[in-house]
């Protein structure tokens, strides 16, 4: 079957070089105060870790740990501090925490060109990303600001999907958007568990964007290709396209 879909992780695959945590917190604090006014809980919220410890993943993968319920985590956090969340717009608080990617990261070399290269060859490009505050709408808006909306055919965030990679549900949703079967797609990502193992479990080809300074647990599958940045992606994918066309 011919290739139909190119799936991409976002963080540390398409963008990297994140601003320091304290800078990120200051930017988020300003957004929250500008929109909601001063509140005693803002500083504590910024210093907290909303994600349950078991969600951090690791190896081996346990499917139940991949379920994401962002708004319920916010509700639990507020109740745990004696604050009634019923009087708060948790959805708005979540969205305000999704800082624009262009303000907090930089493109990986060749990433934007690789996305356009895939789209120009008729592949359906879908972004598949694990997030906390960022939902599908915010992810798509990031790429509109980057000027790539014409090259991206859909997005799947873990917040909106309700599952995090490597759970099969998030990949299945991406395949549905692309109108592709697993064997008609490849997925590009930096994480051996979430991106490589997750894609391979469904029969999706996996391209690992290896970040040299990041240690990762070994997994029981191998990527179909390894790149250091996205300038190398065309040399990987072109033979697959030619193979299918033969």
C-alpha atoms as a PDB file:
ATOM      1  CA  UNK A   1       0.000   0.000   0.000  1.00  0.00           C
ATOM      2  CA  UNK A   2       1.310   3.490  -0.786  1.00  0.00           C
ATOM      3  CA  UNK A   3       2.328   5.845   1.988  1.00  0.00           C
ATOM      4  CA  UNK A   4      -0.454   8.265   2.857  1.00  0.00           C
ATOM      5  CA  UNK A   5       0.440   9.835   6.200  1.00  0.00           C
ATOM      6  CA  UNK A   6       3.344  11.527   7.972  1.00  0.00           C
ATOM      7  CA  UNK A   7       2.797  11.778  11.724  1.00  0.00           C
ATOM      8  CA  UNK A   8       5.005  14.076  13.787  1.00  0.00           C
ATOM      9  CA  UNK A   9       5.626  14.518  17.481  1.00  0.00           C
ATOM     10  CA  UNK A  10       6.083  18.190  18.432  1.00  0.00           C
ATOM     11  CA  UNK A  11       8.245  18.822  21.519  1.00  0.00           C
ATOM     12  CA  UNK A  12      11.945  18.015  20.907  1.00  0.00           C
ATOM     13  CA  UNK A  13      11.055  16.743  17.449  1.00  0.00           C
ATOM     14  CA  UNK A  14       9.811  19.844  15.618  1.00  0.00           C
ATOM     15  CA  UNK A  15      10.682  22.433  18.300  1.00  0.00           C
ATOM     16  CA  UNK A  16      13.346  22.507  21.019  1.00  0.00           C
ATOM     17  CA  UNK A  17      15.495  24.892  23.125  1.00  0.00           C
ATOM     18  CA  UNK A  18      12.775  25.681  25.654  1.00  0.00           C
ATOM     19  CA  UNK A  19      12.942  28.821  27.759  1.00  0.00           C
ATOM     20  CA  UNK A  20      14.013  28.196  31.391  1.00  0.00           C
ATOM     21  CA  UNK A  21      11.313  27.082  33.823  1.00  0.00           C
ATOM     22  CA  UNK A  22      11.368  30.345  35.778  1.00  0.00           C
ATOM     23  CA  UNK A  23      10.912  32.369  32.598  1.00  0.00           C
ATOM     24  CA  UNK A  24       8.044  30.099  31.529  1.00  0.00           C
ATOM     25  CA  UNK A  25       6.391  30.541  34.928  1.00  0.00           C
ATOM     26  CA  UNK A  26       6.752  34.331  34.799  1.00  0.00           C
ATOM     27  CA  UNK A  27       5.141  34.416  31.350  1.00  0.00           C
ATOM     28  CA  UNK A  28       2.293  32.178  32.490  1.00  0.00           C
ATOM     29  CA  UNK A  29       1.769  34.209  35.663  1.00  0.00           C
ATOM     30  CA  UNK A  30       1.413  37.378  33.611  1.00  0.00           C
ATOM     31  CA  UNK A  31      -1.173  35.768  31.324  1.00  0.00           C
ATOM     32  CA  UNK A  32      -3.199  34.527  34.285  1.00  0.00           C
ATOM     33  CA  UNK A  33      -3.096  37.872  36.106  1.00  0.00           C
ATOM     34  CA  UNK A  34      -3.953  39.843  32.971  1.00  0.00           C
ATOM     35  CA  UNK A  35      -6.951  37.623  32.282  1.00  0.00           C
ATOM     36  CA  UNK A  36      -8.183  36.771  35.791  1.00  0.00           C
ATOM     37  CA  UNK A  37      -6.676  39.352  38.114  1.00  0.00           C
ATOM     38  CA  UNK A  38      -4.518  38.663  41.162  1.00  0.00           C
ATOM     39  CA  UNK A  39      -5.281  35.454  43.095  1.00  0.00           C
ATOM     40  CA  UNK A  40      -3.444  33.866  46.005  1.00  0.00           C
ATOM     41  CA  UNK A  41      -3.468  30.459  44.308  1.00  0.00           C
ATOM     42  CA  UNK A  42      -1.644  31.480  41.108  1.00  0.00           C
ATOM     43  CA  UNK A  43       1.879  31.192  42.502  1.00  0.00           C
ATOM     44  CA  UNK A  44       1.178  27.817  44.123  1.00  0.00           C
ATOM     45  CA  UNK A  45      -0.395  26.502  40.935  1.00  0.00           C
ATOM     46  CA  UNK A  46       2.638  27.484  38.888  1.00  0.00           C
ATOM     47  CA  UNK A  47       4.943  25.737  41.348  1.00  0.00           C
ATOM     48  CA  UNK A  48       2.891  22.528  41.376  1.00  0.00           C
ATOM     49  CA  UNK A  49       3.007  19.432  39.219  1.00  0.00           C
ATOM     50  CA  UNK A  50      -0.532  18.635  38.166  1.00  0.00           C
ATOM     51  CA  UNK A  51       0.298  15.376  36.445  1.00  0.00           C
ATOM     52  CA  UNK A  52      -0.067  12.263  38.623  1.00  0.00           C
ATOM     53  CA  UNK A  53       3.265  10.580  39.286  1.00  0.00           C
ATOM     54  CA  UNK A  54       2.157   7.402  37.541  1.00  0.00           C
ATOM     55  CA  UNK A  55       1.600   9.360  34.319  1.00  0.00           C
ATOM     56  CA  UNK A  56       5.332   9.912  33.956  1.00  0.00           C
ATOM     57  CA  UNK A  57       5.446   6.675  32.028  1.00  0.00           C
ATOM     58  CA  UNK A  58       8.651   4.706  31.966  1.00  0.00           C
ATOM     59  CA  UNK A  59       9.166   1.162  30.873  1.00  0.00           C
ATOM     60  CA  UNK A  60       7.476  -1.255  30.638  1.00  0.00           C
ATOM     61  CA  UNK A  61       4.377   0.614  29.460  1.00  0.00           C
ATOM     62  CA  UNK A  62       1.173   0.258  31.489  1.00  0.00           C
ATOM     63  CA  UNK A  63      -1.855   1.339  29.378  1.00  0.00           C
ATOM     64  CA  UNK A  64      -3.952   2.576  32.302  1.00  0.00           C
ATOM     65  CA  UNK A  65      -1.231   5.074  33.205  1.00  0.00           C
ATOM     66  CA  UNK A  66      -1.624   6.842  29.871  1.00  0.00           C
ATOM     67  CA  UNK A  67      -5.124   8.175  30.531  1.00  0.00           C
ATOM     68  CA  UNK A  68      -5.189  11.981  30.627  1.00  0.00           C
ATOM     69  CA  UNK A  69      -7.826  13.999  32.503  1.00  0.00           C
ATOM     70  CA  UNK A  70      -6.394  17.508  32.656  1.00  0.00           C
ATOM     71  CA  UNK A  71      -9.471  19.309  33.953  1.00  0.00           C
ATOM     72  CA  UNK A  72     -10.035  16.681  36.628  1.00  0.00           C
ATOM     73  CA  UNK A  73      -6.429  17.174  37.755  1.00  0.00           C
ATOM     74  CA  UNK A  74      -7.048  20.905  38.033  1.00  0.00           C
ATOM     75  CA  UNK A  75     -10.225  20.264  40.012  1.00  0.00           C
ATOM     76  CA  UNK A  76      -8.420  17.891  42.352  1.00  0.00           C
ATOM     77  CA  UNK A  77      -5.600  20.404  42.860  1.00  0.00           C
ATOM     78  CA  UNK A  78      -7.988  23.221  43.858  1.00  0.00           C
ATOM     79  CA  UNK A  79     -10.072  21.014  46.140  1.00  0.00           C
ATOM     80  CA  UNK A  80      -6.894  19.800  47.827  1.00  0.00           C
ATOM     81  CA  UNK A  81      -6.178  23.401  48.821  1.00  0.00           C
ATOM     82  CA  UNK A  82      -9.665  24.136  50.070  1.00  0.00           C
ATOM     83  CA  UNK A  83     -10.658  26.159  46.995  1.00  0.00           C
ATOM     84  CA  UNK A  84     -14.058  25.460  45.445  1.00  0.00           C
ATOM     85  CA  UNK A  85     -13.374  24.844  41.737  1.00  0.00           C
ATOM     86  CA  UNK A  86     -17.056  25.268  40.840  1.00  0.00           C
ATOM     87  CA  UNK A  87     -16.566  29.013  40.868  1.00  0.00           C
ATOM     88  CA  UNK A  88     -13.575  28.857  38.537  1.00  0.00           C
ATOM     89  CA  UNK A  89     -13.387  28.539  34.766  1.00  0.00           C
ATOM     90  CA  UNK A  90     -10.965  25.619  34.700  1.00  0.00           C
ATOM     91  CA  UNK A  91     -11.067  25.391  30.917  1.00  0.00           C
ATOM     92  CA  UNK A  92      -9.933  28.997  30.640  1.00  0.00           C
ATOM     93  CA  UNK A  93      -7.198  28.504  33.234  1.00  0.00           C
ATOM     94  CA  UNK A  94      -5.982  25.490  31.252  1.00  0.00           C
ATOM     95  CA  UNK A  95      -5.931  27.410  27.977  1.00  0.00           C
ATOM     96  CA  UNK A  96      -4.093  30.370  29.517  1.00  0.00           C
ATOM     97  CA  UNK A  97      -1.323  27.986  30.542  1.00  0.00           C
ATOM     98  CA  UNK A  98      -0.724  26.971  26.920  1.00  0.00           C
ATOM     99  CA  UNK A  99       1.902  29.557  26.018  1.00  0.00           C
ATOM    100  CA  UNK A 100       2.483  30.027  22.269  1.00  0.00           C
ATOM    101  CA  UNK A 101       5.285  27.739  21.110  1.00  0.00           C
ATOM    102  CA  UNK A 102       6.946  30.547  19.167  1.00  0.00           C
ATOM    103  CA  UNK A 103       7.501  32.389  22.457  1.00  0.00           C
ATOM    104  CA  UNK A 104       8.977  29.492  24.428  1.00  0.00           C
ATOM    105  CA  UNK A 105      10.869  27.298  21.921  1.00  0.00           C
ATOM    106  CA  UNK A 106      12.800  27.286  18.646  1.00  0.00           C
ATOM    107  CA  UNK A 107      12.370  25.152  15.499  1.00  0.00           C
ATOM    108  CA  UNK A 108      14.537  22.051  15.164  1.00  0.00           C
ATOM    109  CA  UNK A 109      16.828  22.460  12.126  1.00  0.00           C
ATOM    110  CA  UNK A 110      15.020  21.373   8.992  1.00  0.00           C
ATOM    111  CA  UNK A 111      11.766  20.645  10.823  1.00  0.00           C
ATOM    112  CA  UNK A 112       9.486  23.076   9.060  1.00  0.00           C
ATOM    113  CA  UNK A 113      11.020  22.228   5.698  1.00  0.00           C
ATOM    114  CA  UNK A 114      10.486  18.520   6.404  1.00  0.00           C
ATOM    115  CA  UNK A 115       6.808  19.077   7.173  1.00  0.00           C
ATOM    116  CA  UNK A 116       6.370  21.010   3.934  1.00  0.00           C
ATOM    117  CA  UNK A 117       8.344  18.384   2.006  1.00  0.00           C
ATOM    118  CA  UNK A 118       5.969  15.653   3.207  1.00  0.00           C
ATOM    119  CA  UNK A 119       2.865  17.683   2.384  1.00  0.00           C
ATOM    120  CA  UNK A 120       4.225  18.543  -1.073  1.00  0.00           C
ATOM    121  CA  UNK A 121       4.483  14.815  -1.820  1.00  0.00           C
ATOM    122  CA  UNK A 122       0.842  14.250  -1.075  1.00  0.00           C
ATOM    123  CA  UNK A 123       1.259  12.884   2.436  1.00  0.00           C
ATOM    124  CA  UNK A 124      -1.330  13.815   5.045  1.00  0.00           C
ATOM    125  CA  UNK A 125       0.587  15.501   7.867  1.00  0.00           C
ATOM    126  CA  UNK A 126      -0.812  15.075  11.383  1.00  0.00           C
ATOM    127  CA  UNK A 127       0.843  16.305  14.583  1.00  0.00           C
ATOM    128  CA  UNK A 128       0.604  13.857  17.499  1.00  0.00           C
ATOM    129  CA  UNK A 129       1.714  15.416  20.763  1.00  0.00           C
ATOM    130  CA  UNK A 130       1.663  14.734  24.496  1.00  0.00           C
ATOM    131  CA  UNK A 131       0.622  17.925  26.253  1.00  0.00           C
ATOM    132  CA  UNK A 132      -0.739  19.159  29.562  1.00  0.00           C
ATOM    133  CA  UNK A 133      -2.613  22.439  28.985  1.00  0.00           C
ATOM    134  CA  UNK A 134      -2.364  22.512  25.202  1.00  0.00           C
ATOM    135  CA  UNK A 135      -5.407  21.097  23.401  1.00  0.00           C
ATOM    136  CA  UNK A 136      -6.017  20.526  19.703  1.00  0.00           C
ATOM    137  CA  UNK A 137      -7.127  24.126  19.191  1.00  0.00           C
ATOM    138  CA  UNK A 138      -3.989  25.570  20.790  1.00  0.00           C
ATOM    139  CA  UNK A 139      -1.723  23.169  18.893  1.00  0.00           C
ATOM    140  CA  UNK A 140      -3.284  24.137  15.577  1.00  0.00           C
ATOM    141  CA  UNK A 141      -3.005  27.827  16.437  1.00  0.00           C
ATOM    142  CA  UNK A 142       0.722  27.384  17.163  1.00  0.00           C
ATOM    143  CA  UNK A 143       1.272  26.144  13.656  1.00  0.00           C
ATOM    144  CA  UNK A 144      -0.882  28.852  12.127  1.00  0.00           C
ATOM    145  CA  UNK A 145       1.440  31.356  13.777  1.00  0.00           C
ATOM    146  CA  UNK A 146       4.431  29.455  12.456  1.00  0.00           C
ATOM    147  CA  UNK A 147       2.940  29.784   8.958  1.00  0.00           C
ATOM    148  CA  UNK A 148       2.554  26.045   8.366  1.00  0.00           C
ATOM    149  CA  UNK A 149      -1.229  25.687   8.500  1.00  0.00           C
ATOM    150  CA  UNK A 150      -1.377  24.866   4.790  1.00  0.00           C
ATOM    151  CA  UNK A 151       1.011  21.922   5.282  1.00  0.00           C
ATOM    152  CA  UNK A 152      -0.699  20.392   8.328  1.00  0.00           C
ATOM    153  CA  UNK A 153      -3.878  18.399   7.866  1.00  0.00           C
ATOM    154  CA  UNK A 154      -4.713  17.725  11.499  1.00  0.00           C
ATOM    155  CA  UNK A 155      -3.520  17.603  15.096  1.00  0.00           C
ATOM    156  CA  UNK A 156      -4.029  15.225  17.999  1.00  0.00           C
ATOM    157  CA  UNK A 157      -3.099  16.418  21.484  1.00  0.00           C
ATOM    158  CA  UNK A 158      -3.190  14.101  24.465  1.00  0.00           C
ATOM    159  CA  UNK A 159      -5.332  16.636  26.333  1.00  0.00           C
ATOM    160  CA  UNK A 160      -8.069  16.521  23.693  1.00  0.00           C
ATOM    161  CA  UNK A 161      -7.691  12.808  22.961  1.00  0.00           C
ATOM    162  CA  UNK A 162      -7.765  11.848  26.635  1.00  0.00           C
ATOM    163  CA  UNK A 163      -4.814   9.481  26.174  1.00  0.00           C
ATOM    164  CA  UNK A 164      -1.079  10.029  26.023  1.00  0.00           C
ATOM    165  CA  UNK A 165       1.404   8.337  23.730  1.00  0.00           C
ATOM    166  CA  UNK A 166       2.268   5.494  23.594  1.00  0.00           C
ATOM    167  CA  UNK A 167      -1.370   4.478  24.114  1.00  0.00           C
ATOM    168  CA  UNK A 168      -2.771   3.212  20.785  1.00  0.00           C
ATOM    169  CA  UNK A 169      -5.863   5.455  20.996  1.00  0.00           C
ATOM    170  CA  UNK A 170      -3.928   8.633  20.221  1.00  0.00           C
ATOM    171  CA  UNK A 171      -2.239   7.063  17.188  1.00  0.00           C
ATOM    172  CA  UNK A 172      -5.527   5.600  15.991  1.00  0.00           C
ATOM    173  CA  UNK A 173      -7.095   9.039  16.092  1.00  0.00           C
ATOM    174  CA  UNK A 174      -4.224  10.428  14.032  1.00  0.00           C
ATOM    175  CA  UNK A 175      -4.637   7.657  11.460  1.00  0.00           C
ATOM    176  CA  UNK A 176      -8.368   8.378  11.246  1.00  0.00           C
ATOM    177  CA  UNK A 177      -7.652  12.058  10.564  1.00  0.00           C
ATOM    178  CA  UNK A 178      -5.129  11.106   7.886  1.00  0.00           C
ATOM    179  CA  UNK A 179      -7.408   8.486   6.344  1.00  0.00           C
ATOM    180  CA  UNK A 180      -4.578   5.972   6.496  1.00  0.00           C
ATOM    181  CA  UNK A 181      -3.936   2.441   7.670  1.00  0.00           C
ATOM    182  CA  UNK A 182      -0.950   1.824   9.996  1.00  0.00           C
ATOM    183  CA  UNK A 183       1.182   0.386   7.197  1.00  0.00           C
ATOM    184  CA  UNK A 184       0.539   3.546   5.154  1.00  0.00           C
ATOM    185  CA  UNK A 185       2.045   5.861   7.767  1.00  0.00           C
ATOM    186  CA  UNK A 186       5.274   6.730   9.515  1.00  0.00           C
ATOM    187  CA  UNK A 187       5.713   8.596  12.789  1.00  0.00           C
ATOM    188  CA  UNK A 188       8.645  10.861  13.677  1.00  0.00           C
ATOM    189  CA  UNK A 189       9.467  11.460  17.341  1.00  0.00           C
ATOM    190  CA  UNK A 190      12.248  11.780  19.904  1.00  0.00           C
ATOM    191  CA  UNK A 191      10.995   9.445  22.636  1.00  0.00           C
ATOM    192  CA  UNK A 192      11.760   5.736  22.389  1.00  0.00           C
ATOM    193  CA  UNK A 193       8.754   4.682  24.468  1.00  0.00           C
ATOM    194  CA  UNK A 194       6.105   7.234  23.457  1.00  0.00           C
ATOM    195  CA  UNK A 195       7.056   7.638  19.802  1.00  0.00           C
ATOM    196  CA  UNK A 196       9.006   4.606  18.596  1.00  0.00           C
ATOM    197  CA  UNK A 197       7.484   1.817  20.675  1.00  0.00           C
ATOM    198  CA  UNK A 198       4.034   3.431  20.541  1.00  0.00           C
ATOM    199  CA  UNK A 199       4.002   3.662  16.751  1.00  0.00           C
ATOM    200  CA  UNK A 200       5.493   0.214  16.181  1.00  0.00           C
ATOM    201  CA  UNK A 201       2.825  -1.467  18.320  1.00  0.00           C
ATOM    202  CA  UNK A 202       0.269  -0.456  15.712  1.00  0.00           C
ATOM    203  CA  UNK A 203       2.437  -1.334  12.719  1.00  0.00           C
ATOM    204  CA  UNK A 204       3.356   2.298  11.963  1.00  0.00           C
ATOM    205  CA  UNK A 205       6.915   2.863  10.776  1.00  0.00           C
ATOM    206  CA  UNK A 206       8.928   4.830  13.324  1.00  0.00           C
ATOM    207  CA  UNK A 207      11.625   7.431  12.706  1.00  0.00           C
ATOM    208  CA  UNK A 208      13.551   8.237  15.873  1.00  0.00           C
ATOM    209  CA  UNK A 209      14.893  11.779  16.192  1.00  0.00           C
ATOM    210  CA  UNK A 210      17.800  11.003  18.492  1.00  0.00           C
ATOM    211  CA  UNK A 211      18.768  13.746  20.951  1.00  0.00           C
ATOM    212  CA  UNK A 212      22.298  12.810  22.038  1.00  0.00           C
ATOM    213  CA  UNK A 213      22.224  14.302  25.535  1.00  0.00           C
ATOM    214  CA  UNK A 214      18.927  12.680  26.554  1.00  0.00           C
ATOM    215  CA  UNK A 215      19.097   9.220  28.155  1.00  0.00           C
ATOM    216  CA  UNK A 216      16.126   6.956  27.519  1.00  0.00           C
ATOM    217  CA  UNK A 217      15.160   3.453  28.644  1.00  0.00           C
ATOM    218  CA  UNK A 218      15.724   0.718  26.063  1.00  0.00           C
ATOM    219  CA  UNK A 219      12.627  -0.718  24.416  1.00  0.00           C
ATOM    220  CA  UNK A 220      11.987  -4.071  22.782  1.00  0.00           C
ATOM    221  CA  UNK A 221      11.629  -2.697  19.252  1.00  0.00           C
ATOM    222  CA  UNK A 222      13.978  -0.838  16.927  1.00  0.00           C
ATOM    223  CA  UNK A 223      13.109   2.278  14.933  1.00  0.00           C
ATOM    224  CA  UNK A 224      12.899   1.935  11.164  1.00  0.00           C
ATOM    225  CA  UNK A 225      15.262   4.901  10.816  1.00  0.00           C
ATOM    226  CA  UNK A 226      17.295   7.236  13.021  1.00  0.00           C
ATOM    227  CA  UNK A 227      17.969  10.937  12.380  1.00  0.00           C
ATOM    228  CA  UNK A 228      19.632  13.655  14.431  1.00  0.00           C
ATOM    229  CA  UNK A 229      17.494  16.418  13.008  1.00  0.00           C
ATOM    230  CA  UNK A 230      14.799  16.792  10.392  1.00  0.00           C
ATOM    231  CA  UNK A 231      17.124  17.842   7.561  1.00  0.00           C
ATOM    232  CA  UNK A 232      17.723  14.085   7.209  1.00  0.00           C
ATOM    233  CA  UNK A 233      14.087  13.069   6.894  1.00  0.00           C
ATOM    234  CA  UNK A 234      13.748  13.287   3.072  1.00  0.00           C
ATOM    235  CA  UNK A 235      16.612  10.795   2.544  1.00  0.00           C
ATOM    236  CA  UNK A 236      14.781   8.379   4.871  1.00  0.00           C
ATOM    237  CA  UNK A 237      11.302   8.747   3.414  1.00  0.00           C
ATOM    238  CA  UNK A 238      12.122   9.055  -0.292  1.00  0.00           C
ATOM    239  CA  UNK A 239      13.081   5.371  -0.673  1.00  0.00           C
ATOM    240  CA  UNK A 240       9.808   4.396   1.000  1.00  0.00           C
ATOM    241  CA  UNK A 241       7.880   6.513  -1.490  1.00  0.00           C
ATOM    242  CA  UNK A 242       9.844   5.113  -4.413  1.00  0.00           C
ATOM    243  CA  UNK A 243       9.406   1.576  -3.120  1.00  0.00           C
ATOM    244  CA  UNK A 244       5.644   2.001  -3.011  1.00  0.00           C
ATOM    245  CA  UNK A 245       5.572   3.563  -6.477  1.00  0.00           C
ATOM    246  CA  UNK A 246       7.538   0.700  -8.042  1.00  0.00           C
END
